[in-house]
Amino acid sequence: LRCMSHPDTVFSISDIADKFDHTEK
């Protein structure tokens, strides 16, 4: 939802995993 405030936001699964210190799985 936060990313939706910036239209056409491009990111990857690895970016999100790194953001929250998760694994891609």
PDBML (XML) file of the C-alpha atoms, coordinates in Angstrom:
<?xml version="1.0" encoding="UTF-8" ?>
<PDBx:datablock datablockName="MODEL"
   xmlns:PDBx="http://pdbml.pdb.org/schema/pdbx-v50.xsd"
   xmlns:xsi="http://www.w3.org/2001/XMLSchema-instance"
   xsi:schemaLocation="http://pdbml.pdb.org/schema/pdbx-v50.xsd pdbx-v50.xsd">
   <PDBx:atom_siteCategory>
      <PDBx:atom_site id="1">
         <PDBx:B_iso_or_equiv>0.00</PDBx:B_iso_or_equiv>
         <PDBx:Cartn_x>0.000</PDBx:Cartn_x>
         <PDBx:Cartn_y>0.000</PDBx:Cartn_y>
         <PDBx:Cartn_z>0.000</PDBx:Cartn_z>
         <PDBx:auth_asym_id>A</PDBx:auth_asym_id>
         <PDBx:auth_atom_id>CA</PDBx:auth_atom_id>
         <PDBx:auth_comp_id>LEU</PDBx:auth_comp_id>
         <PDBx:auth_seq_id>1</PDBx:auth_seq_id>
         <PDBx:group_PDB>ATOM</PDBx:group_PDB>
         <PDBx:label_alt_id xsi:nil="true" />
         <PDBx:label_asym_id>A</PDBx:label_asym_id>
         <PDBx:label_atom_id>CA</PDBx:label_atom_id>
         <PDBx:label_comp_id>LEU</PDBx:label_comp_id>
         <PDBx:label_entity_id>1</PDBx:label_entity_id>
         <PDBx:label_seq_id>1</PDBx:label_seq_id>
         <PDBx:occupancy>1.00</PDBx:occupancy>
         <PDBx:pdbx_PDB_model_num>1</PDBx:pdbx_PDB_model_num>
         <PDBx:type_symbol>C</PDBx:type_symbol>
      </PDBx:atom_site>
      <PDBx:atom_site id="2">
         <PDBx:B_iso_or_equiv>0.00</PDBx:B_iso_or_equiv>
         <PDBx:Cartn_x>2.857</PDBx:Cartn_x>
         <PDBx:Cartn_y>2.365</PDBx:Cartn_y>
         <PDBx:Cartn_z>0.846</PDBx:Cartn_z>
         <PDBx:auth_asym_id>A</PDBx:auth_asym_id>
         <PDBx:auth_atom_id>CA</PDBx:auth_atom_id>
         <PDBx:auth_comp_id>ARG</PDBx:auth_comp_id>
         <PDBx:auth_seq_id>2</PDBx:auth_seq_id>
         <PDBx:group_PDB>ATOM</PDBx:group_PDB>
         <PDBx:label_alt_id xsi:nil="true" />
         <PDBx:label_asym_id>A</PDBx:label_asym_id>
         <PDBx:label_atom_id>CA</PDBx:label_atom_id>
         <PDBx:label_comp_id>ARG</PDBx:label_comp_id>
         <PDBx:label_entity_id>1</PDBx:label_entity_id>
         <PDBx:label_seq_id>2</PDBx:label_seq_id>
         <PDBx:occupancy>1.00</PDBx:occupancy>
         <PDBx:pdbx_PDB_model_num>1</PDBx:pdbx_PDB_model_num>
         <PDBx:type_symbol>C</PDBx:type_symbol>
      </PDBx:atom_site>
      <PDBx:atom_site id="3">
         <PDBx:B_iso_or_equiv>0.00</PDBx:B_iso_or_equiv>
         <PDBx:Cartn_x>4.500</PDBx:Cartn_x>
         <PDBx:Cartn_y>1.717</PDBx:Cartn_y>
         <PDBx:Cartn_z>-2.527</PDBx:Cartn_z>
         <PDBx:auth_asym_id>A</PDBx:auth_asym_id>
         <PDBx:auth_atom_id>CA</PDBx:auth_atom_id>
         <PDBx:auth_comp_id>CYS</PDBx:auth_comp_id>
         <PDBx:auth_seq_id>3</PDBx:auth_seq_id>
         <PDBx:group_PDB>ATOM</PDBx:group_PDB>
         <PDBx:label_alt_id xsi:nil="true" />
         <PDBx:label_asym_id>A</PDBx:label_asym_id>
         <PDBx:label_atom_id>CA</PDBx:label_atom_id>
         <PDBx:label_comp_id>CYS</PDBx:label_comp_id>
         <PDBx:label_entity_id>1</PDBx:label_entity_id>
         <PDBx:label_seq_id>3</PDBx:label_seq_id>
         <PDBx:occupancy>1.00</PDBx:occupancy>
         <PDBx:pdbx_PDB_model_num>1</PDBx:pdbx_PDB_model_num>
         <PDBx:type_symbol>C</PDBx:type_symbol>
      </PDBx:atom_site>
      <PDBx:atom_site id="4">
         <PDBx:B_iso_or_equiv>0.00</PDBx:B_iso_or_equiv>
         <PDBx:Cartn_x>1.223</PDBx:Cartn_x>
         <PDBx:Cartn_y>2.526</PDBx:Cartn_y>
         <PDBx:Cartn_z>-4.277</PDBx:Cartn_z>
         <PDBx:auth_asym_id>A</PDBx:auth_asym_id>
         <PDBx:auth_atom_id>CA</PDBx:auth_atom_id>
         <PDBx:auth_comp_id>MET</PDBx:auth_comp_id>
         <PDBx:auth_seq_id>4</PDBx:auth_seq_id>
         <PDBx:group_PDB>ATOM</PDBx:group_PDB>
         <PDBx:label_alt_id xsi:nil="true" />
         <PDBx:label_asym_id>A</PDBx:label_asym_id>
         <PDBx:label_atom_id>CA</PDBx:label_atom_id>
         <PDBx:label_comp_id>MET</PDBx:label_comp_id>
         <PDBx:label_entity_id>1</PDBx:label_entity_id>
         <PDBx:label_seq_id>4</PDBx:label_seq_id>
         <PDBx:occupancy>1.00</PDBx:occupancy>
         <PDBx:pdbx_PDB_model_num>1</PDBx:pdbx_PDB_model_num>
         <PDBx:type_symbol>C</PDBx:type_symbol>
      </PDBx:atom_site>
      <PDBx:atom_site id="5">
         <PDBx:B_iso_or_equiv>0.00</PDBx:B_iso_or_equiv>
         <PDBx:Cartn_x>1.724</PDBx:Cartn_x>
         <PDBx:Cartn_y>6.183</PDBx:Cartn_y>
         <PDBx:Cartn_z>-3.330</PDBx:Cartn_z>
         <PDBx:auth_asym_id>A</PDBx:auth_asym_id>
         <PDBx:auth_atom_id>CA</PDBx:auth_atom_id>
         <PDBx:auth_comp_id>SER</PDBx:auth_comp_id>
         <PDBx:auth_seq_id>5</PDBx:auth_seq_id>
         <PDBx:group_PDB>ATOM</PDBx:group_PDB>
         <PDBx:label_alt_id xsi:nil="true" />
         <PDBx:label_asym_id>A</PDBx:label_asym_id>
         <PDBx:label_atom_id>CA</PDBx:label_atom_id>
         <PDBx:label_comp_id>SER</PDBx:label_comp_id>
         <PDBx:label_entity_id>1</PDBx:label_entity_id>
         <PDBx:label_seq_id>5</PDBx:label_seq_id>
         <PDBx:occupancy>1.00</PDBx:occupancy>
         <PDBx:pdbx_PDB_model_num>1</PDBx:pdbx_PDB_model_num>
         <PDBx:type_symbol>C</PDBx:type_symbol>
      </PDBx:atom_site>
      <PDBx:atom_site id="6">
         <PDBx:B_iso_or_equiv>0.00</PDBx:B_iso_or_equiv>
         <PDBx:Cartn_x>4.457</PDBx:Cartn_x>
         <PDBx:Cartn_y>6.203</PDBx:Cartn_y>
         <PDBx:Cartn_z>-5.974</PDBx:Cartn_z>
         <PDBx:auth_asym_id>A</PDBx:auth_asym_id>
         <PDBx:auth_atom_id>CA</PDBx:auth_atom_id>
         <PDBx:auth_comp_id>HIS</PDBx:auth_comp_id>
         <PDBx:auth_seq_id>6</PDBx:auth_seq_id>
         <PDBx:group_PDB>ATOM</PDBx:group_PDB>
         <PDBx:label_alt_id xsi:nil="true" />
         <PDBx:label_asym_id>A</PDBx:label_asym_id>
         <PDBx:label_atom_id>CA</PDBx:label_atom_id>
         <PDBx:label_comp_id>HIS</PDBx:label_comp_id>
         <PDBx:label_entity_id>1</PDBx:label_entity_id>
         <PDBx:label_seq_id>6</PDBx:label_seq_id>
         <PDBx:occupancy>1.00</PDBx:occupancy>
         <PDBx:pdbx_PDB_model_num>1</PDBx:pdbx_PDB_model_num>
         <PDBx:type_symbol>C</PDBx:type_symbol>
      </PDBx:atom_site>
      <PDBx:atom_site id="7">
         <PDBx:B_iso_or_equiv>0.00</PDBx:B_iso_or_equiv>
         <PDBx:Cartn_x>2.840</PDBx:Cartn_x>
         <PDBx:Cartn_y>5.146</PDBx:Cartn_y>
         <PDBx:Cartn_z>-9.293</PDBx:Cartn_z>
         <PDBx:auth_asym_id>A</PDBx:auth_asym_id>
         <PDBx:auth_atom_id>CA</PDBx:auth_atom_id>
         <PDBx:auth_comp_id>PRO</PDBx:auth_comp_id>
         <PDBx:auth_seq_id>7</PDBx:auth_seq_id>
         <PDBx:group_PDB>ATOM</PDBx:group_PDB>
         <PDBx:label_alt_id xsi:nil="true" />
         <PDBx:label_asym_id>A</PDBx:label_asym_id>
         <PDBx:label_atom_id>CA</PDBx:label_atom_id>
         <PDBx:label_comp_id>PRO</PDBx:label_comp_id>
         <PDBx:label_entity_id>1</PDBx:label_entity_id>
         <PDBx:label_seq_id>7</PDBx:label_seq_id>
         <PDBx:occupancy>1.00</PDBx:occupancy>
         <PDBx:pdbx_PDB_model_num>1</PDBx:pdbx_PDB_model_num>
         <PDBx:type_symbol>C</PDBx:type_symbol>
      </PDBx:atom_site>
      <PDBx:atom_site id="8">
         <PDBx:B_iso_or_equiv>0.00</PDBx:B_iso_or_equiv>
         <PDBx:Cartn_x>4.698</PDBx:Cartn_x>
         <PDBx:Cartn_y>2.629</PDBx:Cartn_y>
         <PDBx:Cartn_z>-11.430</PDBx:Cartn_z>
         <PDBx:auth_asym_id>A</PDBx:auth_asym_id>
         <PDBx:auth_atom_id>CA</PDBx:auth_atom_id>
         <PDBx:auth_comp_id>ASP</PDBx:auth_comp_id>
         <PDBx:auth_seq_id>8</PDBx:auth_seq_id>
         <PDBx:group_PDB>ATOM</PDBx:group_PDB>
         <PDBx:label_alt_id xsi:nil="true" />
         <PDBx:label_asym_id>A</PDBx:label_asym_id>
         <PDBx:label_atom_id>CA</PDBx:label_atom_id>
         <PDBx:label_comp_id>ASP</PDBx:label_comp_id>
         <PDBx:label_entity_id>1</PDBx:label_entity_id>
         <PDBx:label_seq_id>8</PDBx:label_seq_id>
         <PDBx:occupancy>1.00</PDBx:occupancy>
         <PDBx:pdbx_PDB_model_num>1</PDBx:pdbx_PDB_model_num>
         <PDBx:type_symbol>C</PDBx:type_symbol>
      </PDBx:atom_site>
      <PDBx:atom_site id="9">
         <PDBx:B_iso_or_equiv>0.00</PDBx:B_iso_or_equiv>
         <PDBx:Cartn_x>6.928</PDBx:Cartn_x>
         <PDBx:Cartn_y>1.622</PDBx:Cartn_y>
         <PDBx:Cartn_z>-8.543</PDBx:Cartn_z>
         <PDBx:auth_asym_id>A</PDBx:auth_asym_id>
         <PDBx:auth_atom_id>CA</PDBx:auth_atom_id>
         <PDBx:auth_comp_id>THR</PDBx:auth_comp_id>
         <PDBx:auth_seq_id>9</PDBx:auth_seq_id>
         <PDBx:group_PDB>ATOM</PDBx:group_PDB>
         <PDBx:label_alt_id xsi:nil="true" />
         <PDBx:label_asym_id>A</PDBx:label_asym_id>
         <PDBx:label_atom_id>CA</PDBx:label_atom_id>
         <PDBx:label_comp_id>THR</PDBx:label_comp_id>
         <PDBx:label_entity_id>1</PDBx:label_entity_id>
         <PDBx:label_seq_id>9</PDBx:label_seq_id>
         <PDBx:occupancy>1.00</PDBx:occupancy>
         <PDBx:pdbx_PDB_model_num>1</PDBx:pdbx_PDB_model_num>
         <PDBx:type_symbol>C</PDBx:type_symbol>
      </PDBx:atom_site>
      <PDBx:atom_site id="10">
         <PDBx:B_iso_or_equiv>0.00</PDBx:B_iso_or_equiv>
         <PDBx:Cartn_x>9.306</PDBx:Cartn_x>
         <PDBx:Cartn_y>-1.113</PDBx:Cartn_y>
         <PDBx:Cartn_z>-9.656</PDBx:Cartn_z>
         <PDBx:auth_asym_id>A</PDBx:auth_asym_id>
         <PDBx:auth_atom_id>CA</PDBx:auth_atom_id>
         <PDBx:auth_comp_id>VAL</PDBx:auth_comp_id>
         <PDBx:auth_seq_id>10</PDBx:auth_seq_id>
         <PDBx:group_PDB>ATOM</PDBx:group_PDB>
         <PDBx:label_alt_id xsi:nil="true" />
         <PDBx:label_asym_id>A</PDBx:label_asym_id>
         <PDBx:label_atom_id>CA</PDBx:label_atom_id>
         <PDBx:label_comp_id>VAL</PDBx:label_comp_id>
         <PDBx:label_entity_id>1</PDBx:label_entity_id>
         <PDBx:label_seq_id>10</PDBx:label_seq_id>
         <PDBx:occupancy>1.00</PDBx:occupancy>
         <PDBx:pdbx_PDB_model_num>1</PDBx:pdbx_PDB_model_num>
         <PDBx:type_symbol>C</PDBx:type_symbol>
      </PDBx:atom_site>
      <PDBx:atom_site id="11">
         <PDBx:B_iso_or_equiv>0.00</PDBx:B_iso_or_equiv>
         <PDBx:Cartn_x>10.832</PDBx:Cartn_x>
         <PDBx:Cartn_y>-3.496</PDBx:Cartn_y>
         <PDBx:Cartn_z>-7.137</PDBx:Cartn_z>
         <PDBx:auth_asym_id>A</PDBx:auth_asym_id>
         <PDBx:auth_atom_id>CA</PDBx:auth_atom_id>
         <PDBx:auth_comp_id>PHE</PDBx:auth_comp_id>
         <PDBx:auth_seq_id>11</PDBx:auth_seq_id>
         <PDBx:group_PDB>ATOM</PDBx:group_PDB>
         <PDBx:label_alt_id xsi:nil="true" />
         <PDBx:label_asym_id>A</PDBx:label_asym_id>
         <PDBx:label_atom_id>CA</PDBx:label_atom_id>
         <PDBx:label_comp_id>PHE</PDBx:label_comp_id>
         <PDBx:label_entity_id>1</PDBx:label_entity_id>
         <PDBx:label_seq_id>11</PDBx:label_seq_id>
         <PDBx:occupancy>1.00</PDBx:occupancy>
         <PDBx:pdbx_PDB_model_num>1</PDBx:pdbx_PDB_model_num>
         <PDBx:type_symbol>C</PDBx:type_symbol>
      </PDBx:atom_site>
      <PDBx:atom_site id="12">
         <PDBx:B_iso_or_equiv>0.00</PDBx:B_iso_or_equiv>
         <PDBx:Cartn_x>11.710</PDBx:Cartn_x>
         <PDBx:Cartn_y>-7.161</PDBx:Cartn_y>
         <PDBx:Cartn_z>-6.767</PDBx:Cartn_z>
         <PDBx:auth_asym_id>A</PDBx:auth_asym_id>
         <PDBx:auth_atom_id>CA</PDBx:auth_atom_id>
         <PDBx:auth_comp_id>SER</PDBx:auth_comp_id>
         <PDBx:auth_seq_id>12</PDBx:auth_seq_id>
         <PDBx:group_PDB>ATOM</PDBx:group_PDB>
         <PDBx:label_alt_id xsi:nil="true" />
         <PDBx:label_asym_id>A</PDBx:label_asym_id>
         <PDBx:label_atom_id>CA</PDBx:label_atom_id>
         <PDBx:label_comp_id>SER</PDBx:label_comp_id>
         <PDBx:label_entity_id>1</PDBx:label_entity_id>
         <PDBx:label_seq_id>12</PDBx:label_seq_id>
         <PDBx:occupancy>1.00</PDBx:occupancy>
         <PDBx:pdbx_PDB_model_num>1</PDBx:pdbx_PDB_model_num>
         <PDBx:type_symbol>C</PDBx:type_symbol>
      </PDBx:atom_site>
      <PDBx:atom_site id="13">
         <PDBx:B_iso_or_equiv>0.00</PDBx:B_iso_or_equiv>
         <PDBx:Cartn_x>10.976</PDBx:Cartn_x>
         <PDBx:Cartn_y>-9.948</PDBx:Cartn_y>
         <PDBx:Cartn_z>-4.324</PDBx:Cartn_z>
         <PDBx:auth_asym_id>A</PDBx:auth_asym_id>
         <PDBx:auth_atom_id>CA</PDBx:auth_atom_id>
         <PDBx:auth_comp_id>ILE</PDBx:auth_comp_id>
         <PDBx:auth_seq_id>13</PDBx:auth_seq_id>
         <PDBx:group_PDB>ATOM</PDBx:group_PDB>
         <PDBx:label_alt_id xsi:nil="true" />
         <PDBx:label_asym_id>A</PDBx:label_asym_id>
         <PDBx:label_atom_id>CA</PDBx:label_atom_id>
         <PDBx:label_comp_id>ILE</PDBx:label_comp_id>
         <PDBx:label_entity_id>1</PDBx:label_entity_id>
         <PDBx:label_seq_id>13</PDBx:label_seq_id>
         <PDBx:occupancy>1.00</PDBx:occupancy>
         <PDBx:pdbx_PDB_model_num>1</PDBx:pdbx_PDB_model_num>
         <PDBx:type_symbol>C</PDBx:type_symbol>
      </PDBx:atom_site>
      <PDBx:atom_site id="14">
         <PDBx:B_iso_or_equiv>0.00</PDBx:B_iso_or_equiv>
         <PDBx:Cartn_x>14.583</PDBx:Cartn_x>
         <PDBx:Cartn_y>-9.682</PDBx:Cartn_y>
         <PDBx:Cartn_z>-3.116</PDBx:Cartn_z>
         <PDBx:auth_asym_id>A</PDBx:auth_asym_id>
         <PDBx:auth_atom_id>CA</PDBx:auth_atom_id>
         <PDBx:auth_comp_id>SER</PDBx:auth_comp_id>
         <PDBx:auth_seq_id>14</PDBx:auth_seq_id>
         <PDBx:group_PDB>ATOM</PDBx:group_PDB>
         <PDBx:label_alt_id xsi:nil="true" />
         <PDBx:label_asym_id>A</PDBx:label_asym_id>
         <PDBx:label_atom_id>CA</PDBx:label_atom_id>
         <PDBx:label_comp_id>SER</PDBx:label_comp_id>
         <PDBx:label_entity_id>1</PDBx:label_entity_id>
         <PDBx:label_seq_id>14</PDBx:label_seq_id>
         <PDBx:occupancy>1.00</PDBx:occupancy>
         <PDBx:pdbx_PDB_model_num>1</PDBx:pdbx_PDB_model_num>
         <PDBx:type_symbol>C</PDBx:type_symbol>
      </PDBx:atom_site>
      <PDBx:atom_site id="15">
         <PDBx:B_iso_or_equiv>0.00</PDBx:B_iso_or_equiv>
         <PDBx:Cartn_x>14.097</PDBx:Cartn_x>
         <PDBx:Cartn_y>-5.952</PDBx:Cartn_y>
         <PDBx:Cartn_z>-2.429</PDBx:Cartn_z>
         <PDBx:auth_asym_id>A</PDBx:auth_asym_id>
         <PDBx:auth_atom_id>CA</PDBx:auth_atom_id>
         <PDBx:auth_comp_id>ASP</PDBx:auth_comp_id>
         <PDBx:auth_seq_id>15</PDBx:auth_seq_id>
         <PDBx:group_PDB>ATOM</PDBx:group_PDB>
         <PDBx:label_alt_id xsi:nil="true" />
         <PDBx:label_asym_id>A</PDBx:label_asym_id>
         <PDBx:label_atom_id>CA</PDBx:label_atom_id>
         <PDBx:label_comp_id>ASP</PDBx:label_comp_id>
         <PDBx:label_entity_id>1</PDBx:label_entity_id>
         <PDBx:label_seq_id>15</PDBx:label_seq_id>
         <PDBx:occupancy>1.00</PDBx:occupancy>
         <PDBx:pdbx_PDB_model_num>1</PDBx:pdbx_PDB_model_num>
         <PDBx:type_symbol>C</PDBx:type_symbol>
      </PDBx:atom_site>
      <PDBx:atom_site id="16">
         <PDBx:B_iso_or_equiv>0.00</PDBx:B_iso_or_equiv>
         <PDBx:Cartn_x>11.100</PDBx:Cartn_x>
         <PDBx:Cartn_y>-6.672</PDBx:Cartn_y>
         <PDBx:Cartn_z>-0.201</PDBx:Cartn_z>
         <PDBx:auth_asym_id>A</PDBx:auth_asym_id>
         <PDBx:auth_atom_id>CA</PDBx:auth_atom_id>
         <PDBx:auth_comp_id>ILE</PDBx:auth_comp_id>
         <PDBx:auth_seq_id>16</PDBx:auth_seq_id>
         <PDBx:group_PDB>ATOM</PDBx:group_PDB>
         <PDBx:label_alt_id xsi:nil="true" />
         <PDBx:label_asym_id>A</PDBx:label_asym_id>
         <PDBx:label_atom_id>CA</PDBx:label_atom_id>
         <PDBx:label_comp_id>ILE</PDBx:label_comp_id>
         <PDBx:label_entity_id>1</PDBx:label_entity_id>
         <PDBx:label_seq_id>16</PDBx:label_seq_id>
         <PDBx:occupancy>1.00</PDBx:occupancy>
         <PDBx:pdbx_PDB_model_num>1</PDBx:pdbx_PDB_model_num>
         <PDBx:type_symbol>C</PDBx:type_symbol>
      </PDBx:atom_site>
      <PDBx:atom_site id="17">
         <PDBx:B_iso_or_equiv>0.00</PDBx:B_iso_or_equiv>
         <PDBx:Cartn_x>12.944</PDBx:Cartn_x>
         <PDBx:Cartn_y>-9.538</PDBx:Cartn_y>
         <PDBx:Cartn_z>1.525</PDBx:Cartn_z>
         <PDBx:auth_asym_id>A</PDBx:auth_asym_id>
         <PDBx:auth_atom_id>CA</PDBx:auth_atom_id>
         <PDBx:auth_comp_id>ALA</PDBx:auth_comp_id>
         <PDBx:auth_seq_id>17</PDBx:auth_seq_id>
         <PDBx:group_PDB>ATOM</PDBx:group_PDB>
         <PDBx:label_alt_id xsi:nil="true" />
         <PDBx:label_asym_id>A</PDBx:label_asym_id>
         <PDBx:label_atom_id>CA</PDBx:label_atom_id>
         <PDBx:label_comp_id>ALA</PDBx:label_comp_id>
         <PDBx:label_entity_id>1</PDBx:label_entity_id>
         <PDBx:label_seq_id>17</PDBx:label_seq_id>
         <PDBx:occupancy>1.00</PDBx:occupancy>
         <PDBx:pdbx_PDB_model_num>1</PDBx:pdbx_PDB_model_num>
         <PDBx:type_symbol>C</PDBx:type_symbol>
      </PDBx:atom_site>
      <PDBx:atom_site id="18">
         <PDBx:B_iso_or_equiv>0.00</PDBx:B_iso_or_equiv>
         <PDBx:Cartn_x>15.869</PDBx:Cartn_x>
         <PDBx:Cartn_y>-7.216</PDBx:Cartn_y>
         <PDBx:Cartn_z>2.249</PDBx:Cartn_z>
         <PDBx:auth_asym_id>A</PDBx:auth_asym_id>
         <PDBx:auth_atom_id>CA</PDBx:auth_atom_id>
         <PDBx:auth_comp_id>ASP</PDBx:auth_comp_id>
         <PDBx:auth_seq_id>18</PDBx:auth_seq_id>
         <PDBx:group_PDB>ATOM</PDBx:group_PDB>
         <PDBx:label_alt_id xsi:nil="true" />
         <PDBx:label_asym_id>A</PDBx:label_asym_id>
         <PDBx:label_atom_id>CA</PDBx:label_atom_id>
         <PDBx:label_comp_id>ASP</PDBx:label_comp_id>
         <PDBx:label_entity_id>1</PDBx:label_entity_id>
         <PDBx:label_seq_id>18</PDBx:label_seq_id>
         <PDBx:occupancy>1.00</PDBx:occupancy>
         <PDBx:pdbx_PDB_model_num>1</PDBx:pdbx_PDB_model_num>
         <PDBx:type_symbol>C</PDBx:type_symbol>
      </PDBx:atom_site>
      <PDBx:atom_site id="19">
         <PDBx:B_iso_or_equiv>0.00</PDBx:B_iso_or_equiv>
         <PDBx:Cartn_x>13.517</PDBx:Cartn_x>
         <PDBx:Cartn_y>-4.515</PDBx:Cartn_y>
         <PDBx:Cartn_z>3.540</PDBx:Cartn_z>
         <PDBx:auth_asym_id>A</PDBx:auth_asym_id>
         <PDBx:auth_atom_id>CA</PDBx:auth_atom_id>
         <PDBx:auth_comp_id>LYS</PDBx:auth_comp_id>
         <PDBx:auth_seq_id>19</PDBx:auth_seq_id>
         <PDBx:group_PDB>ATOM</PDBx:group_PDB>
         <PDBx:label_alt_id xsi:nil="true" />
         <PDBx:label_asym_id>A</PDBx:label_asym_id>
         <PDBx:label_atom_id>CA</PDBx:label_atom_id>
         <PDBx:label_comp_id>LYS</PDBx:label_comp_id>
         <PDBx:label_entity_id>1</PDBx:label_entity_id>
         <PDBx:label_seq_id>19</PDBx:label_seq_id>
         <PDBx:occupancy>1.00</PDBx:occupancy>
         <PDBx:pdbx_PDB_model_num>1</PDBx:pdbx_PDB_model_num>
         <PDBx:type_symbol>C</PDBx:type_symbol>
      </PDBx:atom_site>
      <PDBx:atom_site id="20">
         <PDBx:B_iso_or_equiv>0.00</PDBx:B_iso_or_equiv>
         <PDBx:Cartn_x>12.055</PDBx:Cartn_x>
         <PDBx:Cartn_y>-6.800</PDBx:Cartn_y>
         <PDBx:Cartn_z>6.206</PDBx:Cartn_z>
         <PDBx:auth_asym_id>A</PDBx:auth_asym_id>
         <PDBx:auth_atom_id>CA</PDBx:auth_atom_id>
         <PDBx:auth_comp_id>PHE</PDBx:auth_comp_id>
         <PDBx:auth_seq_id>20</PDBx:auth_seq_id>
         <PDBx:group_PDB>ATOM</PDBx:group_PDB>
         <PDBx:label_alt_id xsi:nil="true" />
         <PDBx:label_asym_id>A</PDBx:label_asym_id>
         <PDBx:label_atom_id>CA</PDBx:label_atom_id>
         <PDBx:label_comp_id>PHE</PDBx:label_comp_id>
         <PDBx:label_entity_id>1</PDBx:label_entity_id>
         <PDBx:label_seq_id>20</PDBx:label_seq_id>
         <PDBx:occupancy>1.00</PDBx:occupancy>
         <PDBx:pdbx_PDB_model_num>1</PDBx:pdbx_PDB_model_num>
         <PDBx:type_symbol>C</PDBx:type_symbol>
      </PDBx:atom_site>
      <PDBx:atom_site id="21">
         <PDBx:B_iso_or_equiv>0.00</PDBx:B_iso_or_equiv>
         <PDBx:Cartn_x>15.025</PDBx:Cartn_x>
         <PDBx:Cartn_y>-9.116</PDBx:Cartn_y>
         <PDBx:Cartn_z>6.706</PDBx:Cartn_z>
         <PDBx:auth_asym_id>A</PDBx:auth_asym_id>
         <PDBx:auth_atom_id>CA</PDBx:auth_atom_id>
         <PDBx:auth_comp_id>ASP</PDBx:auth_comp_id>
         <PDBx:auth_seq_id>21</PDBx:auth_seq_id>
         <PDBx:group_PDB>ATOM</PDBx:group_PDB>
         <PDBx:label_alt_id xsi:nil="true" />
         <PDBx:label_asym_id>A</PDBx:label_asym_id>
         <PDBx:label_atom_id>CA</PDBx:label_atom_id>
         <PDBx:label_comp_id>ASP</PDBx:label_comp_id>
         <PDBx:label_entity_id>1</PDBx:label_entity_id>
         <PDBx:label_seq_id>21</PDBx:label_seq_id>
         <PDBx:occupancy>1.00</PDBx:occupancy>
         <PDBx:pdbx_PDB_model_num>1</PDBx:pdbx_PDB_model_num>
         <PDBx:type_symbol>C</PDBx:type_symbol>
      </PDBx:atom_site>
      <PDBx:atom_site id="22">
         <PDBx:B_iso_or_equiv>0.00</PDBx:B_iso_or_equiv>
         <PDBx:Cartn_x>12.997</PDBx:Cartn_x>
         <PDBx:Cartn_y>-12.034</PDBx:Cartn_y>
         <PDBx:Cartn_z>5.323</PDBx:Cartn_z>
         <PDBx:auth_asym_id>A</PDBx:auth_asym_id>
         <PDBx:auth_atom_id>CA</PDBx:auth_atom_id>
         <PDBx:auth_comp_id>HIS</PDBx:auth_comp_id>
         <PDBx:auth_seq_id>22</PDBx:auth_seq_id>
         <PDBx:group_PDB>ATOM</PDBx:group_PDB>
         <PDBx:label_alt_id xsi:nil="true" />
         <PDBx:label_asym_id>A</PDBx:label_asym_id>
         <PDBx:label_atom_id>CA</PDBx:label_atom_id>
         <PDBx:label_comp_id>HIS</PDBx:label_comp_id>
         <PDBx:label_entity_id>1</PDBx:label_entity_id>
         <PDBx:label_seq_id>22</PDBx:label_seq_id>
         <PDBx:occupancy>1.00</PDBx:occupancy>
         <PDBx:pdbx_PDB_model_num>1</PDBx:pdbx_PDB_model_num>
         <PDBx:type_symbol>C</PDBx:type_symbol>
      </PDBx:atom_site>
      <PDBx:atom_site id="23">
         <PDBx:B_iso_or_equiv>0.00</PDBx:B_iso_or_equiv>
         <PDBx:Cartn_x>13.824</PDBx:Cartn_x>
         <PDBx:Cartn_y>-14.729</PDBx:Cartn_y>
         <PDBx:Cartn_z>2.825</PDBx:Cartn_z>
         <PDBx:auth_asym_id>A</PDBx:auth_asym_id>
         <PDBx:auth_atom_id>CA</PDBx:auth_atom_id>
         <PDBx:auth_comp_id>THR</PDBx:auth_comp_id>
         <PDBx:auth_seq_id>23</PDBx:auth_seq_id>
         <PDBx:group_PDB>ATOM</PDBx:group_PDB>
         <PDBx:label_alt_id xsi:nil="true" />
         <PDBx:label_asym_id>A</PDBx:label_asym_id>
         <PDBx:label_atom_id>CA</PDBx:label_atom_id>
         <PDBx:label_comp_id>THR</PDBx:label_comp_id>
         <PDBx:label_entity_id>1</PDBx:label_entity_id>
         <PDBx:label_seq_id>23</PDBx:label_seq_id>
         <PDBx:occupancy>1.00</PDBx:occupancy>
         <PDBx:pdbx_PDB_model_num>1</PDBx:pdbx_PDB_model_num>
         <PDBx:type_symbol>C</PDBx:type_symbol>
      </PDBx:atom_site>
      <PDBx:atom_site id="24">
         <PDBx:B_iso_or_equiv>0.00</PDBx:B_iso_or_equiv>
         <PDBx:Cartn_x>12.368</PDBx:Cartn_x>
         <PDBx:Cartn_y>-14.472</PDBx:Cartn_y>
         <PDBx:Cartn_z>-0.688</PDBx:Cartn_z>
         <PDBx:auth_asym_id>A</PDBx:auth_asym_id>
         <PDBx:auth_atom_id>CA</PDBx:auth_atom_id>
         <PDBx:auth_comp_id>GLU</PDBx:auth_comp_id>
         <PDBx:auth_seq_id>24</PDBx:auth_seq_id>
         <PDBx:group_PDB>ATOM</PDBx:group_PDB>
         <PDBx:label_alt_id xsi:nil="true" />
         <PDBx:label_asym_id>A</PDBx:label_asym_id>
         <PDBx:label_atom_id>CA</PDBx:label_atom_id>
         <PDBx:label_comp_id>GLU</PDBx:label_comp_id>
         <PDBx:label_entity_id>1</PDBx:label_entity_id>
         <PDBx:label_seq_id>24</PDBx:label_seq_id>
         <PDBx:occupancy>1.00</PDBx:occupancy>
         <PDBx:pdbx_PDB_model_num>1</PDBx:pdbx_PDB_model_num>
         <PDBx:type_symbol>C</PDBx:type_symbol>
      </PDBx:atom_site>
      <PDBx:atom_site id="25">
         <PDBx:B_iso_or_equiv>0.00</PDBx:B_iso_or_equiv>
         <PDBx:Cartn_x>10.312</PDBx:Cartn_x>
         <PDBx:Cartn_y>-17.573</PDBx:Cartn_y>
         <PDBx:Cartn_z>0.076</PDBx:Cartn_z>
         <PDBx:auth_asym_id>A</PDBx:auth_asym_id>
         <PDBx:auth_atom_id>CA</PDBx:auth_atom_id>
         <PDBx:auth_comp_id>LYS</PDBx:auth_comp_id>
         <PDBx:auth_seq_id>25</PDBx:auth_seq_id>
         <PDBx:group_PDB>ATOM</PDBx:group_PDB>
         <PDBx:label_alt_id xsi:nil="true" />
         <PDBx:label_asym_id>A</PDBx:label_asym_id>
         <PDBx:label_atom_id>CA</PDBx:label_atom_id>
         <PDBx:label_comp_id>LYS</PDBx:label_comp_id>
         <PDBx:label_entity_id>1</PDBx:label_entity_id>
         <PDBx:label_seq_id>25</PDBx:label_seq_id>
         <PDBx:occupancy>1.00</PDBx:occupancy>
         <PDBx:pdbx_PDB_model_num>1</PDBx:pdbx_PDB_model_num>
         <PDBx:type_symbol>C</PDBx:type_symbol>
      </PDBx:atom_site>
   </PDBx:atom_siteCategory>
</PDBx:datablock>
